[in-house]
Amino acid sequence: MFDISHEGRTTLSVDREGAEELGYPEEVIAAAEAGVRKNAVKAACRRRIYAAASAETQMNMATAAAVISAKEANVRTADEASILSGLDDAIGWVAQMRGRVSELADDATLDIADDANWPPLPDGARNVVDKF
């Protein structure tokens, strides 16, 4: 179901068949369906990111990054250096995840529930998430 508008007319909560019966042009229907898919892909991306690291975990990681980054590099412990490296991996992964949103939204043949269609969480990121 989707909302659809064209030439000053709006129909709420309609499916493809209903939109066709109401005389909406194919390109308008396709655009409405694409919007629904894009929202679904964005939601799937967000769920996957939060499944890997909850909001609280992300806040704790950001706090640790700030504290560690405030130190001179030559006085950081090996564990602190590992945390910063893992945080770099995690930030890169989130960017990759967000990059996949457009690709998955544009290709309706790809299953957004299939793990193979999303970048895997790097081990470095997983290790740092496990610490928090």
N, C-alpha and C. Protein backbone atom coordinates (compact mmCIF):
# COMPACT_ATOMS: atom_id res chain seq x y z
N MET A 1 0.84 -1.17 0.00
CA MET A 1 0.00 0.00 0.00
C MET A 1 0.89 1.24 0.00
N PHE A 2 0.42 2.25 -0.69
CA PHE A 2 1.16 3.50 -0.78
C PHE A 2 0.19 4.65 -1.00
N ASP A 3 0.69 5.85 -0.76
CA ASP A 3 -0.04 7.06 -1.08
C ASP A 3 0.45 7.51 -2.45
N ILE A 4 -0.43 8.09 -3.24
CA ILE A 4 -0.05 8.48 -4.59
C ILE A 4 -0.71 9.82 -4.93
N SER A 5 0.05 10.67 -5.63
CA SER A 5 -0.46 11.98 -6.04
C SER A 5 -0.09 12.22 -7.49
N HIS A 6 -1.01 12.87 -8.18
CA HIS A 6 -0.75 13.23 -9.58
C HIS A 6 -1.76 14.29 -10.00
N GLU A 7 -1.25 15.36 -10.59
CA GLU A 7 -2.09 16.43 -11.11
C GLU A 7 -3.12 16.92 -10.10
N GLY A 8 -2.67 17.16 -8.87
CA GLY A 8 -3.53 17.72 -7.83
C GLY A 8 -4.46 16.74 -7.15
N ARG A 9 -4.38 15.47 -7.51
CA ARG A 9 -5.23 14.45 -6.91
C ARG A 9 -4.36 13.53 -6.07
N THR A 10 -4.81 13.22 -4.87
CA THR A 10 -4.08 12.33 -3.97
C THR A 10 -4.99 11.21 -3.51
N THR A 11 -4.44 10.02 -3.53
CA THR A 11 -5.15 8.85 -3.01
C THR A 11 -4.26 8.23 -1.94
N LEU A 12 -4.84 7.97 -0.79
CA LEU A 12 -4.09 7.40 0.33
C LEU A 12 -4.32 5.90 0.41
N SER A 13 -3.28 5.19 0.79
CA SER A 13 -3.34 3.77 1.08
C SER A 13 -4.00 2.96 -0.03
N VAL A 14 -3.34 2.99 -1.18
CA VAL A 14 -3.85 2.27 -2.35
C VAL A 14 -2.78 1.28 -2.81
N ASP A 15 -3.19 0.20 -3.44
CA ASP A 15 -2.22 -0.72 -4.02
C ASP A 15 -2.13 -0.47 -5.53
N ARG A 16 -1.26 -1.19 -6.20
CA ARG A 16 -1.05 -0.99 -7.63
C ARG A 16 -2.36 -1.13 -8.42
N GLU A 17 -3.09 -2.19 -8.14
CA GLU A 17 -4.33 -2.44 -8.87
C GLU A 17 -5.32 -1.29 -8.69
N GLY A 18 -5.43 -0.84 -7.45
CA GLY A 18 -6.34 0.28 -7.18
C GLY A 18 -5.91 1.56 -7.87
N ALA A 19 -4.60 1.82 -7.87
CA ALA A 19 -4.09 3.02 -8.54
C ALA A 19 -4.33 2.94 -10.04
N GLU A 20 -4.15 1.75 -10.59
CA GLU A 20 -4.43 1.57 -12.03
C GLU A 20 -5.90 1.81 -12.33
N GLU A 21 -6.78 1.25 -11.49
CA GLU A 21 -8.22 1.43 -11.68
C GLU A 21 -8.63 2.89 -11.59
N LEU A 22 -7.91 3.65 -10.75
CA LEU A 22 -8.21 5.08 -10.61
C LEU A 22 -7.59 5.92 -11.73
N GLY A 23 -6.85 5.27 -12.61
CA GLY A 23 -6.32 5.96 -13.79
C GLY A 23 -4.99 6.66 -13.59
N TYR A 24 -4.26 6.31 -12.54
CA TYR A 24 -2.94 6.91 -12.37
C TYR A 24 -2.00 6.37 -13.44
N PRO A 25 -1.14 7.23 -13.99
CA PRO A 25 -0.19 6.77 -15.01
C PRO A 25 0.83 5.78 -14.42
N GLU A 26 1.32 4.88 -15.25
CA GLU A 26 2.28 3.86 -14.83
C GLU A 26 3.50 4.47 -14.16
N GLU A 27 4.05 5.54 -14.72
CA GLU A 27 5.27 6.12 -14.14
C GLU A 27 5.02 6.70 -12.75
N VAL A 28 3.81 7.17 -12.50
CA VAL A 28 3.47 7.71 -11.17
C VAL A 28 3.33 6.54 -10.18
N ILE A 29 2.71 5.46 -10.63
CA ILE A 29 2.57 4.27 -9.78
C ILE A 29 3.95 3.70 -9.46
N ALA A 30 4.79 3.58 -10.48
CA ALA A 30 6.13 3.02 -10.28
C ALA A 30 6.93 3.89 -9.30
N ALA A 31 6.81 5.20 -9.41
CA ALA A 31 7.52 6.10 -8.49
C ALA A 31 7.03 5.92 -7.06
N ALA A 32 5.72 5.75 -6.89
CA ALA A 32 5.18 5.53 -5.54
C ALA A 32 5.68 4.22 -4.96
N GLU A 33 5.70 3.17 -5.78
CA GLU A 33 6.22 1.87 -5.32
C GLU A 33 7.71 1.97 -4.98
N ALA A 34 8.45 2.73 -5.79
CA ALA A 34 9.87 2.89 -5.52
C ALA A 34 10.10 3.60 -4.19
N GLY A 35 9.25 4.55 -3.87
CA GLY A 35 9.36 5.25 -2.60
C GLY A 35 9.12 4.32 -1.42
N VAL A 36 8.16 3.42 -1.57
CA VAL A 36 7.88 2.44 -0.52
C VAL A 36 9.09 1.53 -0.34
N ARG A 37 9.68 1.08 -1.43
CA ARG A 37 10.85 0.20 -1.35
C ARG A 37 12.02 0.93 -0.70
N LYS A 38 12.25 2.18 -1.09
CA LYS A 38 13.37 2.93 -0.52
C LYS A 38 13.21 3.06 0.99
N ASN A 39 12.00 3.36 1.45
CA ASN A 39 11.76 3.45 2.89
C ASN A 39 12.00 2.11 3.58
N ALA A 40 11.61 1.03 2.93
CA ALA A 40 11.83 -0.30 3.51
C ALA A 40 13.33 -0.62 3.59
N VAL A 41 14.07 -0.24 2.57
CA VAL A 41 15.52 -0.49 2.56
C VAL A 41 16.20 0.34 3.64
N LYS A 42 15.81 1.60 3.78
CA LYS A 42 16.38 2.46 4.83
C LYS A 42 16.12 1.85 6.21
N ALA A 43 14.90 1.37 6.42
CA ALA A 43 14.55 0.77 7.71
C ALA A 43 15.36 -0.50 7.95
N ALA A 44 15.56 -1.31 6.92
CA ALA A 44 16.36 -2.53 7.06
C ALA A 44 17.80 -2.18 7.40
N CYS A 45 18.33 -1.15 6.76
CA CYS A 45 19.70 -0.72 7.04
C CYS A 45 19.84 -0.28 8.49
N ARG A 46 18.91 0.55 8.93
CA ARG A 46 18.92 1.04 10.31
C ARG A 46 18.85 -0.12 11.30
N ARG A 47 17.95 -1.09 11.03
CA ARG A 47 17.82 -2.26 11.93
C ARG A 47 19.13 -3.04 12.00
N ARG A 48 19.77 -3.22 10.87
CA ARG A 48 21.01 -3.99 10.83
C ARG A 48 22.13 -3.28 11.59
N ILE A 49 22.20 -1.97 11.44
CA ILE A 49 23.23 -1.21 12.16
C ILE A 49 22.99 -1.29 13.66
N TYR A 50 21.74 -1.09 14.09
CA TYR A 50 21.44 -1.15 15.52
C TYR A 50 21.53 -2.57 16.07
N ALA A 51 21.34 -3.56 15.24
CA ALA A 51 21.52 -4.95 15.69
C ALA A 51 23.00 -5.22 15.98
N ALA A 52 23.87 -4.59 15.21
CA ALA A 52 25.31 -4.76 15.43
C ALA A 52 25.79 -3.96 16.64
N ALA A 53 25.24 -2.76 16.79
CA ALA A 53 25.65 -1.88 17.90
C ALA A 53 24.46 -1.00 18.28
N SER A 54 23.93 -1.24 19.47
CA SER A 54 22.78 -0.46 19.94
C SER A 54 23.16 1.01 20.07
N ALA A 55 22.17 1.85 20.25
CA ALA A 55 22.43 3.28 20.43
C ALA A 55 23.34 3.52 21.63
N GLU A 56 23.11 2.76 22.71
CA GLU A 56 23.94 2.92 23.90
C GLU A 56 25.38 2.51 23.62
N THR A 57 25.55 1.41 22.90
CA THR A 57 26.89 0.96 22.54
C THR A 57 27.58 2.01 21.68
N GLN A 58 26.85 2.57 20.73
CA GLN A 58 27.44 3.59 19.87
C GLN A 58 27.86 4.83 20.67
N MET A 59 27.04 5.22 21.65
CA MET A 59 27.41 6.36 22.49
C MET A 59 28.66 6.06 23.31
N ASN A 60 28.73 4.86 23.86
CA ASN A 60 29.91 4.47 24.63
C ASN A 60 31.16 4.44 23.75
N MET A 61 31.00 3.95 22.53
CA MET A 61 32.12 3.91 21.60
C MET A 61 32.59 5.33 21.26
N ALA A 62 31.64 6.23 21.04
CA ALA A 62 31.99 7.62 20.71
C ALA A 62 32.70 8.29 21.88
N THR A 63 32.24 8.01 23.08
CA THR A 63 32.89 8.58 24.27
C THR A 63 34.31 8.05 24.40
N ALA A 64 34.49 6.75 24.22
CA ALA A 64 35.83 6.17 24.30
C ALA A 64 36.73 6.76 23.22
N ALA A 65 36.20 6.94 22.03
CA ALA A 65 36.99 7.52 20.94
C ALA A 65 37.45 8.92 21.30
N ALA A 66 36.57 9.69 21.90
CA ALA A 66 36.93 11.06 22.28
C ALA A 66 38.03 11.07 23.34
N VAL A 67 37.89 10.20 24.34
CA VAL A 67 38.88 10.14 25.42
C VAL A 67 40.23 9.66 24.88
N ILE A 68 40.20 8.61 24.09
CA ILE A 68 41.45 8.05 23.55
C ILE A 68 42.10 9.02 22.58
N SER A 69 41.29 9.64 21.73
CA SER A 69 41.84 10.56 20.73
C SER A 69 42.46 11.80 21.36
N ALA A 70 42.05 12.12 22.58
CA ALA A 70 42.61 13.28 23.27
C ALA A 70 44.06 13.02 23.71
N LYS A 71 44.44 11.77 23.76
CA LYS A 71 45.80 11.40 24.16
C LYS A 71 46.73 11.49 22.95
N GLU A 72 47.98 11.80 23.22
CA GLU A 72 49.00 11.73 22.17
C GLU A 72 49.13 10.28 21.73
N ALA A 73 49.32 10.07 20.45
CA ALA A 73 49.38 8.71 19.90
C ALA A 73 50.45 7.86 20.57
N ASN A 74 51.57 8.47 20.94
CA ASN A 74 52.67 7.70 21.52
C ASN A 74 52.42 7.26 22.96
N VAL A 75 51.36 7.76 23.60
CA VAL A 75 51.06 7.33 24.98
C VAL A 75 49.81 6.45 25.06
N ARG A 76 49.22 6.15 23.93
CA ARG A 76 48.06 5.27 23.91
C ARG A 76 48.49 3.83 24.13
N THR A 77 47.68 3.08 24.86
CA THR A 77 47.97 1.67 25.06
C THR A 77 47.62 0.89 23.78
N ALA A 78 48.07 -0.35 23.73
CA ALA A 78 47.75 -1.21 22.59
C ALA A 78 46.23 -1.41 22.49
N ASP A 79 45.58 -1.56 23.65
CA ASP A 79 44.12 -1.72 23.65
C ASP A 79 43.43 -0.47 23.12
N GLU A 80 43.92 0.70 23.50
CA GLU A 80 43.33 1.95 23.01
C GLU A 80 43.53 2.09 21.50
N ALA A 81 44.71 1.73 21.02
CA ALA A 81 44.95 1.77 19.57
C ALA A 81 44.04 0.79 18.85
N SER A 82 43.82 -0.36 19.45
CA SER A 82 42.92 -1.36 18.87
C SER A 82 41.49 -0.84 18.81
N ILE A 83 41.07 -0.15 19.85
CA ILE A 83 39.72 0.42 19.88
C ILE A 83 39.56 1.44 18.76
N LEU A 84 40.53 2.33 18.60
CA LEU A 84 40.43 3.33 17.53
C LEU A 84 40.41 2.68 16.15
N SER A 85 41.20 1.64 15.98
CA SER A 85 41.22 0.93 14.70
C SER A 85 39.86 0.26 14.44
N GLY A 86 39.30 -0.36 15.46
CA GLY A 86 37.99 -1.00 15.34
C GLY A 86 36.90 0.02 15.07
N LEU A 87 37.03 1.20 15.67
CA LEU A 87 36.06 2.27 15.42
C LEU A 87 36.14 2.74 13.97
N ASP A 88 37.34 2.83 13.44
CA ASP A 88 37.49 3.17 12.01
C ASP A 88 36.80 2.13 11.15
N ASP A 89 36.97 0.85 11.49
CA ASP A 89 36.29 -0.22 10.76
C ASP A 89 34.77 -0.08 10.85
N ALA A 90 34.29 0.24 12.05
CA ALA A 90 32.84 0.37 12.25
C ALA A 90 32.28 1.55 11.47
N ILE A 91 32.98 2.66 11.49
CA ILE A 91 32.52 3.85 10.74
C ILE A 91 32.51 3.55 9.24
N GLY A 92 33.54 2.87 8.77
CA GLY A 92 33.58 2.49 7.36
C GLY A 92 32.45 1.56 6.99
N TRP A 93 32.14 0.63 7.87
CA TRP A 93 31.04 -0.31 7.63
C TRP A 93 29.70 0.41 7.54
N VAL A 94 29.47 1.35 8.45
CA VAL A 94 28.22 2.11 8.41
C VAL A 94 28.11 2.87 7.09
N ALA A 95 29.21 3.45 6.63
CA ALA A 95 29.20 4.15 5.34
C ALA A 95 28.87 3.19 4.20
N GLN A 96 29.43 1.98 4.24
CA GLN A 96 29.12 0.97 3.22
C GLN A 96 27.64 0.57 3.28
N MET A 97 27.14 0.41 4.48
CA MET A 97 25.73 0.05 4.65
C MET A 97 24.84 1.13 4.03
N ARG A 98 25.14 2.36 4.34
CA ARG A 98 24.33 3.47 3.80
C ARG A 98 24.47 3.55 2.29
N GLY A 99 25.64 3.22 1.78
CA GLY A 99 25.85 3.20 0.34
C GLY A 99 25.00 2.15 -0.36
N ARG A 100 24.75 1.06 0.31
CA ARG A 100 23.94 -0.02 -0.28
C ARG A 100 22.46 0.35 -0.36
N VAL A 101 22.03 1.31 0.43
CA VAL A 101 20.61 1.68 0.45
C VAL A 101 20.12 2.04 -0.96
N SER A 102 20.83 2.93 -1.63
CA SER A 102 20.39 3.35 -2.97
C SER A 102 20.43 2.19 -3.95
N GLU A 103 21.49 1.40 -3.88
CA GLU A 103 21.61 0.26 -4.79
C GLU A 103 20.47 -0.73 -4.59
N LEU A 104 20.17 -1.05 -3.35
CA LEU A 104 19.10 -2.01 -3.06
C LEU A 104 17.73 -1.42 -3.37
N ALA A 105 17.57 -0.13 -3.13
CA ALA A 105 16.29 0.51 -3.42
C ALA A 105 16.02 0.54 -4.93
N ASP A 106 17.07 0.71 -5.70
CA ASP A 106 16.93 0.83 -7.16
C ASP A 106 16.74 -0.51 -7.86
N ASP A 107 17.09 -1.61 -7.20
CA ASP A 107 16.99 -2.92 -7.85
C ASP A 107 16.01 -3.80 -7.08
N ALA A 108 14.77 -3.80 -7.52
CA ALA A 108 13.72 -4.54 -6.82
C ALA A 108 13.91 -6.05 -6.89
N THR A 109 14.86 -6.52 -7.70
CA THR A 109 15.11 -7.97 -7.76
C THR A 109 15.96 -8.44 -6.60
N LEU A 110 16.61 -7.51 -5.90
CA LEU A 110 17.46 -7.87 -4.76
C LEU A 110 16.63 -7.95 -3.49
N ASP A 111 16.82 -9.02 -2.74
CA ASP A 111 16.10 -9.24 -1.49
C ASP A 111 16.79 -8.49 -0.37
N ILE A 112 16.11 -7.52 0.21
CA ILE A 112 16.73 -6.72 1.27
C ILE A 112 16.89 -7.50 2.57
N ALA A 113 16.23 -8.63 2.68
CA ALA A 113 16.36 -9.46 3.88
C ALA A 113 17.52 -10.44 3.78
N ASP A 114 18.11 -10.55 2.60
CA ASP A 114 19.22 -11.49 2.38
C ASP A 114 20.53 -10.86 2.85
N ASP A 115 21.17 -11.50 3.82
CA ASP A 115 22.44 -10.99 4.35
C ASP A 115 23.50 -10.79 3.26
N ALA A 116 23.44 -11.60 2.22
CA ALA A 116 24.43 -11.52 1.15
C ALA A 116 24.35 -10.18 0.41
N ASN A 117 23.25 -9.47 0.53
CA ASN A 117 23.09 -8.19 -0.15
C ASN A 117 23.56 -7.00 0.68
N TRP A 118 24.10 -7.27 1.85
CA TRP A 118 24.60 -6.21 2.74
C TRP A 118 26.07 -6.48 3.07
N PRO A 119 26.86 -5.43 3.28
CA PRO A 119 28.26 -5.64 3.66
C PRO A 119 28.36 -6.33 5.02
N PRO A 120 29.28 -7.27 5.15
CA PRO A 120 29.46 -7.93 6.46
C PRO A 120 30.16 -6.98 7.44
N LEU A 121 29.84 -7.16 8.71
CA LEU A 121 30.50 -6.38 9.76
C LEU A 121 31.95 -6.85 9.86
N PRO A 122 32.92 -5.95 9.68
CA PRO A 122 34.33 -6.36 9.77
C PRO A 122 34.67 -6.87 11.18
N ASP A 123 35.62 -7.78 11.24
CA ASP A 123 36.03 -8.33 12.54
C ASP A 123 36.51 -7.25 13.49
N GLY A 124 37.25 -6.27 12.98
CA GLY A 124 37.74 -5.19 13.83
C GLY A 124 36.59 -4.42 14.48
N ALA A 125 35.55 -4.18 13.71
CA ALA A 125 34.37 -3.49 14.24
C ALA A 125 33.67 -4.38 15.26
N ARG A 126 33.52 -5.67 14.94
CA ARG A 126 32.86 -6.60 15.86
C ARG A 126 33.63 -6.66 17.19
N ASN A 127 34.95 -6.69 17.11
CA ASN A 127 35.76 -6.76 18.32
C ASN A 127 35.58 -5.53 19.20
N VAL A 128 35.52 -4.37 18.60
CA VAL A 128 35.36 -3.16 19.40
C VAL A 128 33.94 -3.05 19.95
N VAL A 129 32.95 -3.48 19.19
CA VAL A 129 31.57 -3.47 19.69
C VAL A 129 31.45 -4.40 20.90
N ASP A 130 32.11 -5.53 20.83
CA ASP A 130 32.07 -6.49 21.95
C ASP A 130 32.63 -5.90 23.24
N LYS A 131 33.50 -4.91 23.13
CA LYS A 131 34.09 -4.29 24.33
C LYS A 131 33.12 -3.34 25.01
N PHE A 132 32.10 -2.93 24.30
CA PHE A 132 31.18 -1.95 24.84
C PHE A 132 29.78 -2.51 25.00
